[in-house]
Amino acid sequence: MTESNALDPEDRKIVTLARSVRARNGVPEGAAVRDETGRTYVAGSVALPSLRLSALRTAVAMAVASGATSLEAAAVVGEAESVPAEDLAAVADLGGAGTPVLLAGPDGVVRETVSAG
């Protein structure tokens, strides 16, 4: 476990944003990504009859749709014990292998940092 207060301020910010969108929207998970210019994109999970996306894949899609060409970091907040391979692949597609993905519980405490790709 990584104490959230020990995180870099920019990483702490994306964890906080991911936690906030999860709570505000009442969804199972929230995510935030930071692009190469420091802009952040925040999303909750999407569960429509015709479309299901994790919060992290939605945040990556929002970054791409907004013109981001690379990612510096990502964070996902929820109950999951691990980051699905599909989510890591989406981060790696934009950020490259090795982009850090912070996995935090609903309390915002980072449980694990994994590398995309």
N, C-alpha and C. Protein backbone atom coordinates (compact mmCIF):
# COMPACT_ATOMS: atom_id res chain seq x y z
N MET A 1 0.83 -1.18 0.00
CA MET A 1 0.00 0.00 0.00
C MET A 1 0.87 1.24 0.00
N THR A 2 0.42 2.25 -0.70
CA THR A 2 1.12 3.52 -0.74
C THR A 2 0.24 4.56 -0.08
N GLU A 3 0.76 5.21 0.92
CA GLU A 3 0.00 6.27 1.58
C GLU A 3 -0.22 7.38 0.57
N SER A 4 -1.47 7.79 0.37
CA SER A 4 -1.78 8.81 -0.63
C SER A 4 -1.03 10.11 -0.37
N ASN A 5 -0.76 10.42 0.89
CA ASN A 5 -0.04 11.65 1.20
C ASN A 5 1.41 11.58 0.74
N ALA A 6 1.95 10.38 0.51
CA ALA A 6 3.32 10.21 0.07
C ALA A 6 3.44 10.35 -1.46
N LEU A 7 2.33 10.43 -2.14
CA LEU A 7 2.35 10.55 -3.60
C LEU A 7 2.82 11.92 -4.03
N ASP A 8 3.35 11.97 -5.23
CA ASP A 8 3.65 13.23 -5.90
C ASP A 8 2.35 14.04 -5.94
N PRO A 9 2.39 15.35 -5.78
CA PRO A 9 1.15 16.15 -5.78
C PRO A 9 0.30 15.97 -7.03
N GLU A 10 0.92 15.81 -8.18
CA GLU A 10 0.15 15.63 -9.42
C GLU A 10 -0.53 14.26 -9.45
N ASP A 11 0.12 13.25 -8.89
CA ASP A 11 -0.51 11.92 -8.81
C ASP A 11 -1.62 11.93 -7.77
N ARG A 12 -1.40 12.60 -6.67
CA ARG A 12 -2.45 12.71 -5.65
C ARG A 12 -3.68 13.40 -6.23
N LYS A 13 -3.45 14.39 -7.08
CA LYS A 13 -4.55 15.11 -7.73
C LYS A 13 -5.41 14.18 -8.59
N ILE A 14 -4.78 13.30 -9.40
CA ILE A 14 -5.61 12.44 -10.25
C ILE A 14 -6.34 11.38 -9.44
N VAL A 15 -5.75 10.93 -8.33
CA VAL A 15 -6.46 10.00 -7.45
C VAL A 15 -7.68 10.70 -6.85
N THR A 16 -7.48 11.93 -6.38
CA THR A 16 -8.59 12.70 -5.80
C THR A 16 -9.70 12.94 -6.82
N LEU A 17 -9.33 13.28 -8.04
CA LEU A 17 -10.34 13.51 -9.09
C LEU A 17 -11.09 12.23 -9.42
N ALA A 18 -10.38 11.11 -9.50
CA ALA A 18 -11.03 9.83 -9.78
C ALA A 18 -11.99 9.46 -8.65
N ARG A 19 -11.57 9.68 -7.43
CA ARG A 19 -12.43 9.38 -6.28
C ARG A 19 -13.67 10.27 -6.29
N SER A 20 -13.49 11.53 -6.63
CA SER A 20 -14.61 12.48 -6.65
C SER A 20 -15.65 12.13 -7.69
N VAL A 21 -15.21 11.78 -8.91
CA VAL A 21 -16.19 11.46 -9.96
C VAL A 21 -16.94 10.18 -9.61
N ARG A 22 -16.28 9.24 -8.97
CA ARG A 22 -16.95 8.00 -8.54
C ARG A 22 -18.07 8.33 -7.56
N ALA A 23 -17.77 9.15 -6.58
CA ALA A 23 -18.76 9.50 -5.56
C ALA A 23 -19.88 10.38 -6.14
N ARG A 24 -19.50 11.37 -6.91
CA ARG A 24 -20.48 12.32 -7.46
C ARG A 24 -21.47 11.63 -8.40
N ASN A 25 -20.97 10.72 -9.23
CA ASN A 25 -21.83 10.06 -10.21
C ASN A 25 -22.44 8.76 -9.71
N GLY A 26 -22.04 8.30 -8.54
CA GLY A 26 -22.59 7.07 -7.99
C GLY A 26 -22.31 5.86 -8.85
N VAL A 27 -21.10 5.78 -9.40
CA VAL A 27 -20.71 4.67 -10.27
C VAL A 27 -19.69 3.78 -9.56
N PRO A 28 -19.53 2.54 -10.04
CA PRO A 28 -18.62 1.61 -9.36
C PRO A 28 -17.15 2.05 -9.34
N GLU A 29 -16.73 2.76 -10.39
CA GLU A 29 -15.34 3.20 -10.42
C GLU A 29 -15.23 4.57 -11.08
N GLY A 30 -14.19 5.26 -10.67
CA GLY A 30 -13.85 6.54 -11.26
C GLY A 30 -12.40 6.48 -11.71
N ALA A 31 -12.06 7.28 -12.71
CA ALA A 31 -10.69 7.28 -13.21
C ALA A 31 -10.31 8.68 -13.67
N ALA A 32 -9.01 8.91 -13.69
CA ALA A 32 -8.47 10.16 -14.21
C ALA A 32 -7.15 9.85 -14.88
N VAL A 33 -6.88 10.55 -15.97
CA VAL A 33 -5.59 10.44 -16.65
C VAL A 33 -5.02 11.84 -16.83
N ARG A 34 -3.68 11.90 -16.86
CA ARG A 34 -2.98 13.17 -17.08
C ARG A 34 -2.19 13.05 -18.37
N ASP A 35 -2.39 14.03 -19.27
CA ASP A 35 -1.70 13.96 -20.56
C ASP A 35 -0.34 14.64 -20.51
N GLU A 36 0.31 14.69 -21.66
CA GLU A 36 1.68 15.22 -21.76
C GLU A 36 1.79 16.70 -21.44
N THR A 37 0.68 17.42 -21.45
CA THR A 37 0.72 18.85 -21.13
C THR A 37 0.24 19.14 -19.72
N GLY A 38 -0.12 18.08 -18.98
CA GLY A 38 -0.61 18.25 -17.61
C GLY A 38 -2.12 18.36 -17.50
N ARG A 39 -2.82 18.33 -18.64
CA ARG A 39 -4.29 18.36 -18.58
C ARG A 39 -4.80 17.03 -18.03
N THR A 40 -5.92 17.09 -17.32
CA THR A 40 -6.51 15.87 -16.77
C THR A 40 -7.87 15.63 -17.38
N TYR A 41 -8.20 14.36 -17.48
CA TYR A 41 -9.49 13.91 -18.01
C TYR A 41 -10.05 12.93 -17.00
N VAL A 42 -11.29 13.14 -16.62
CA VAL A 42 -11.91 12.38 -15.55
C VAL A 42 -13.17 11.71 -16.08
N ALA A 43 -13.41 10.46 -15.65
CA ALA A 43 -14.59 9.74 -16.11
C ALA A 43 -15.01 8.69 -15.09
N GLY A 44 -16.28 8.37 -15.14
CA GLY A 44 -16.81 7.26 -14.38
C GLY A 44 -17.10 6.10 -15.32
N SER A 45 -17.37 4.96 -14.76
CA SER A 45 -17.71 3.81 -15.60
C SER A 45 -19.03 4.06 -16.32
N VAL A 46 -19.16 3.47 -17.50
CA VAL A 46 -20.34 3.62 -18.33
C VAL A 46 -21.03 2.26 -18.42
N ALA A 47 -22.31 2.22 -18.08
CA ALA A 47 -23.06 0.96 -18.14
C ALA A 47 -24.42 1.21 -18.78
N LEU A 48 -24.42 1.24 -20.10
CA LEU A 48 -25.64 1.37 -20.88
C LEU A 48 -25.96 0.01 -21.49
N PRO A 49 -27.20 -0.21 -21.88
CA PRO A 49 -27.52 -1.49 -22.51
C PRO A 49 -26.64 -1.78 -23.74
N SER A 50 -26.31 -0.75 -24.49
CA SER A 50 -25.54 -0.96 -25.71
C SER A 50 -24.06 -0.58 -25.59
N LEU A 51 -23.63 -0.11 -24.44
CA LEU A 51 -22.24 0.34 -24.29
C LEU A 51 -21.78 0.17 -22.85
N ARG A 52 -20.72 -0.59 -22.68
CA ARG A 52 -20.13 -0.78 -21.35
C ARG A 52 -18.64 -0.46 -21.45
N LEU A 53 -18.22 0.51 -20.65
CA LEU A 53 -16.81 0.92 -20.62
C LEU A 53 -16.37 1.11 -19.18
N SER A 54 -15.17 0.69 -18.90
CA SER A 54 -14.61 0.98 -17.58
C SER A 54 -14.33 2.47 -17.48
N ALA A 55 -14.19 2.95 -16.28
CA ALA A 55 -13.87 4.36 -16.08
C ALA A 55 -12.54 4.72 -16.72
N LEU A 56 -11.56 3.83 -16.61
CA LEU A 56 -10.24 4.14 -17.15
C LEU A 56 -10.26 4.20 -18.68
N ARG A 57 -10.93 3.26 -19.32
CA ARG A 57 -11.02 3.32 -20.79
C ARG A 57 -11.80 4.55 -21.24
N THR A 58 -12.82 4.95 -20.47
CA THR A 58 -13.57 6.16 -20.81
C THR A 58 -12.69 7.40 -20.68
N ALA A 59 -11.89 7.47 -19.62
CA ALA A 59 -10.99 8.61 -19.44
C ALA A 59 -9.95 8.67 -20.56
N VAL A 60 -9.41 7.51 -20.96
CA VAL A 60 -8.46 7.49 -22.08
C VAL A 60 -9.14 7.97 -23.36
N ALA A 61 -10.37 7.51 -23.61
CA ALA A 61 -11.10 7.94 -24.80
C ALA A 61 -11.33 9.45 -24.78
N MET A 62 -11.65 10.00 -23.62
CA MET A 62 -11.85 11.44 -23.51
C MET A 62 -10.56 12.20 -23.82
N ALA A 63 -9.44 11.68 -23.36
CA ALA A 63 -8.15 12.32 -23.64
C ALA A 63 -7.86 12.30 -25.14
N VAL A 64 -8.06 11.16 -25.76
CA VAL A 64 -7.83 11.04 -27.21
C VAL A 64 -8.76 12.00 -27.97
N ALA A 65 -10.03 12.01 -27.60
CA ALA A 65 -11.01 12.87 -28.28
C ALA A 65 -10.68 14.35 -28.11
N SER A 66 -9.94 14.68 -27.07
CA SER A 66 -9.57 16.07 -26.81
C SER A 66 -8.21 16.44 -27.41
N GLY A 67 -7.58 15.49 -28.08
CA GLY A 67 -6.33 15.79 -28.77
C GLY A 67 -5.06 15.39 -28.05
N ALA A 68 -5.16 14.71 -26.93
CA ALA A 68 -3.95 14.28 -26.23
C ALA A 68 -3.18 13.30 -27.10
N THR A 69 -1.86 13.40 -27.06
CA THR A 69 -1.03 12.49 -27.85
C THR A 69 -0.21 11.54 -26.98
N SER A 70 -0.26 11.75 -25.67
CA SER A 70 0.49 10.89 -24.76
C SER A 70 -0.09 11.03 -23.36
N LEU A 71 0.15 10.05 -22.51
CA LEU A 71 -0.27 10.11 -21.12
C LEU A 71 0.95 10.00 -20.22
N GLU A 72 0.91 10.76 -19.12
CA GLU A 72 1.98 10.68 -18.12
C GLU A 72 1.62 9.70 -17.01
N ALA A 73 0.33 9.64 -16.65
CA ALA A 73 -0.10 8.79 -15.54
C ALA A 73 -1.61 8.62 -15.58
N ALA A 74 -2.07 7.59 -14.86
CA ALA A 74 -3.50 7.32 -14.77
C ALA A 74 -3.80 6.84 -13.35
N ALA A 75 -5.06 7.01 -12.96
CA ALA A 75 -5.51 6.52 -11.66
C ALA A 75 -6.92 5.97 -11.80
N VAL A 76 -7.19 4.91 -11.06
CA VAL A 76 -8.53 4.34 -11.02
C VAL A 76 -8.88 4.07 -9.56
N VAL A 77 -10.11 4.43 -9.20
CA VAL A 77 -10.59 4.26 -7.83
C VAL A 77 -11.83 3.38 -7.86
N GLY A 78 -11.82 2.34 -7.04
CA GLY A 78 -12.97 1.45 -6.96
C GLY A 78 -12.67 0.28 -6.04
N GLU A 79 -13.52 -0.72 -6.12
CA GLU A 79 -13.39 -1.91 -5.27
C GLU A 79 -12.46 -2.97 -5.86
N ALA A 80 -12.14 -2.88 -7.14
CA ALA A 80 -11.35 -3.91 -7.82
C ALA A 80 -9.99 -4.11 -7.15
N GLU A 81 -9.54 -5.34 -7.17
CA GLU A 81 -8.24 -5.69 -6.60
C GLU A 81 -7.10 -5.56 -7.62
N SER A 82 -7.47 -5.43 -8.90
CA SER A 82 -6.45 -5.30 -9.94
C SER A 82 -7.02 -4.49 -11.09
N VAL A 83 -6.13 -4.04 -11.96
CA VAL A 83 -6.53 -3.28 -13.14
C VAL A 83 -6.63 -4.28 -14.30
N PRO A 84 -7.81 -4.37 -14.95
CA PRO A 84 -7.97 -5.32 -16.05
C PRO A 84 -6.97 -5.07 -17.18
N ALA A 85 -6.58 -6.14 -17.84
CA ALA A 85 -5.62 -6.05 -18.95
C ALA A 85 -6.10 -5.10 -20.04
N GLU A 86 -7.41 -5.08 -20.31
CA GLU A 86 -7.94 -4.19 -21.35
C GLU A 86 -7.73 -2.73 -20.98
N ASP A 87 -7.84 -2.41 -19.71
CA ASP A 87 -7.61 -1.03 -19.26
C ASP A 87 -6.14 -0.65 -19.39
N LEU A 88 -5.26 -1.57 -18.98
CA LEU A 88 -3.83 -1.31 -19.11
C LEU A 88 -3.43 -1.15 -20.57
N ALA A 89 -4.05 -1.94 -21.44
CA ALA A 89 -3.76 -1.83 -22.88
C ALA A 89 -4.17 -0.47 -23.42
N ALA A 90 -5.32 0.04 -22.99
CA ALA A 90 -5.78 1.36 -23.46
C ALA A 90 -4.81 2.45 -23.02
N VAL A 91 -4.35 2.37 -21.78
CA VAL A 91 -3.37 3.35 -21.28
C VAL A 91 -2.08 3.23 -22.08
N ALA A 92 -1.62 2.01 -22.32
CA ALA A 92 -0.38 1.80 -23.08
C ALA A 92 -0.51 2.29 -24.52
N ASP A 93 -1.70 2.14 -25.12
CA ASP A 93 -1.91 2.61 -26.49
C ASP A 93 -1.61 4.10 -26.62
N LEU A 94 -1.96 4.86 -25.61
CA LEU A 94 -1.76 6.31 -25.67
C LEU A 94 -0.50 6.73 -24.92
N GLY A 95 -0.24 6.12 -23.80
CA GLY A 95 0.87 6.55 -22.96
C GLY A 95 2.16 5.79 -23.18
N GLY A 96 2.05 4.62 -23.77
CA GLY A 96 3.22 3.79 -23.95
C GLY A 96 3.37 2.81 -22.80
N ALA A 97 4.08 1.74 -23.06
CA ALA A 97 4.34 0.76 -22.01
C ALA A 97 5.11 1.44 -20.89
N GLY A 98 4.76 1.13 -19.69
CA GLY A 98 5.45 1.72 -18.55
C GLY A 98 4.74 2.90 -17.93
N THR A 99 3.67 3.38 -18.56
CA THR A 99 2.91 4.48 -17.95
C THR A 99 2.33 4.00 -16.63
N PRO A 100 2.57 4.72 -15.54
CA PRO A 100 2.06 4.27 -14.24
C PRO A 100 0.55 4.41 -14.12
N VAL A 101 -0.06 3.36 -13.57
CA VAL A 101 -1.50 3.35 -13.30
C VAL A 101 -1.66 3.11 -11.80
N LEU A 102 -2.22 4.08 -11.11
CA LEU A 102 -2.43 3.99 -9.67
C LEU A 102 -3.79 3.36 -9.41
N LEU A 103 -3.82 2.31 -8.62
CA LEU A 103 -5.06 1.64 -8.25
C LEU A 103 -5.35 1.97 -6.79
N ALA A 104 -6.48 2.64 -6.56
CA ALA A 104 -6.85 3.05 -5.20
C ALA A 104 -8.22 2.51 -4.83
N GLY A 105 -8.40 2.31 -3.54
CA GLY A 105 -9.70 1.91 -3.03
C GLY A 105 -10.62 3.10 -2.92
N PRO A 106 -11.87 2.88 -2.56
CA PRO A 106 -12.84 3.97 -2.43
C PRO A 106 -12.41 5.05 -1.44
N ASP A 107 -11.53 4.69 -0.50
CA ASP A 107 -11.03 5.66 0.48
C ASP A 107 -9.92 6.54 -0.08
N GLY A 108 -9.49 6.26 -1.31
CA GLY A 108 -8.43 7.05 -1.95
C GLY A 108 -7.03 6.58 -1.64
N VAL A 109 -6.89 5.54 -0.82
CA VAL A 109 -5.57 5.00 -0.52
C VAL A 109 -5.10 4.13 -1.68
N VAL A 110 -3.95 4.46 -2.23
CA VAL A 110 -3.40 3.71 -3.36
C VAL A 110 -2.92 2.35 -2.85
N ARG A 111 -3.48 1.30 -3.45
CA ARG A 111 -3.12 -0.07 -3.08
C ARG A 111 -1.96 -0.60 -3.89
N GLU A 112 -1.86 -0.09 -5.13
CA GLU A 112 -0.86 -0.64 -6.04
C GLU A 112 -0.62 0.36 -7.17
N THR A 113 0.60 0.36 -7.67
CA THR A 113 0.93 1.09 -8.89
C THR A 113 1.44 0.06 -9.88
N VAL A 114 0.78 -0.03 -11.02
CA VAL A 114 1.18 -0.98 -12.06
C VAL A 114 1.57 -0.20 -13.30
N SER A 115 2.34 -0.85 -14.16
CA SER A 115 2.75 -0.24 -15.41
C SER A 115 1.86 -0.72 -16.54
N ALA A 116 1.45 0.23 -17.38
CA ALA A 116 0.64 -0.13 -18.54
C ALA A 116 1.51 -0.90 -19.52
N GLY A 117 0.86 -1.75 -20.27
CA GLY A 117 1.55 -2.48 -21.32
C GLY A 117 2.12 -3.72 -20.79
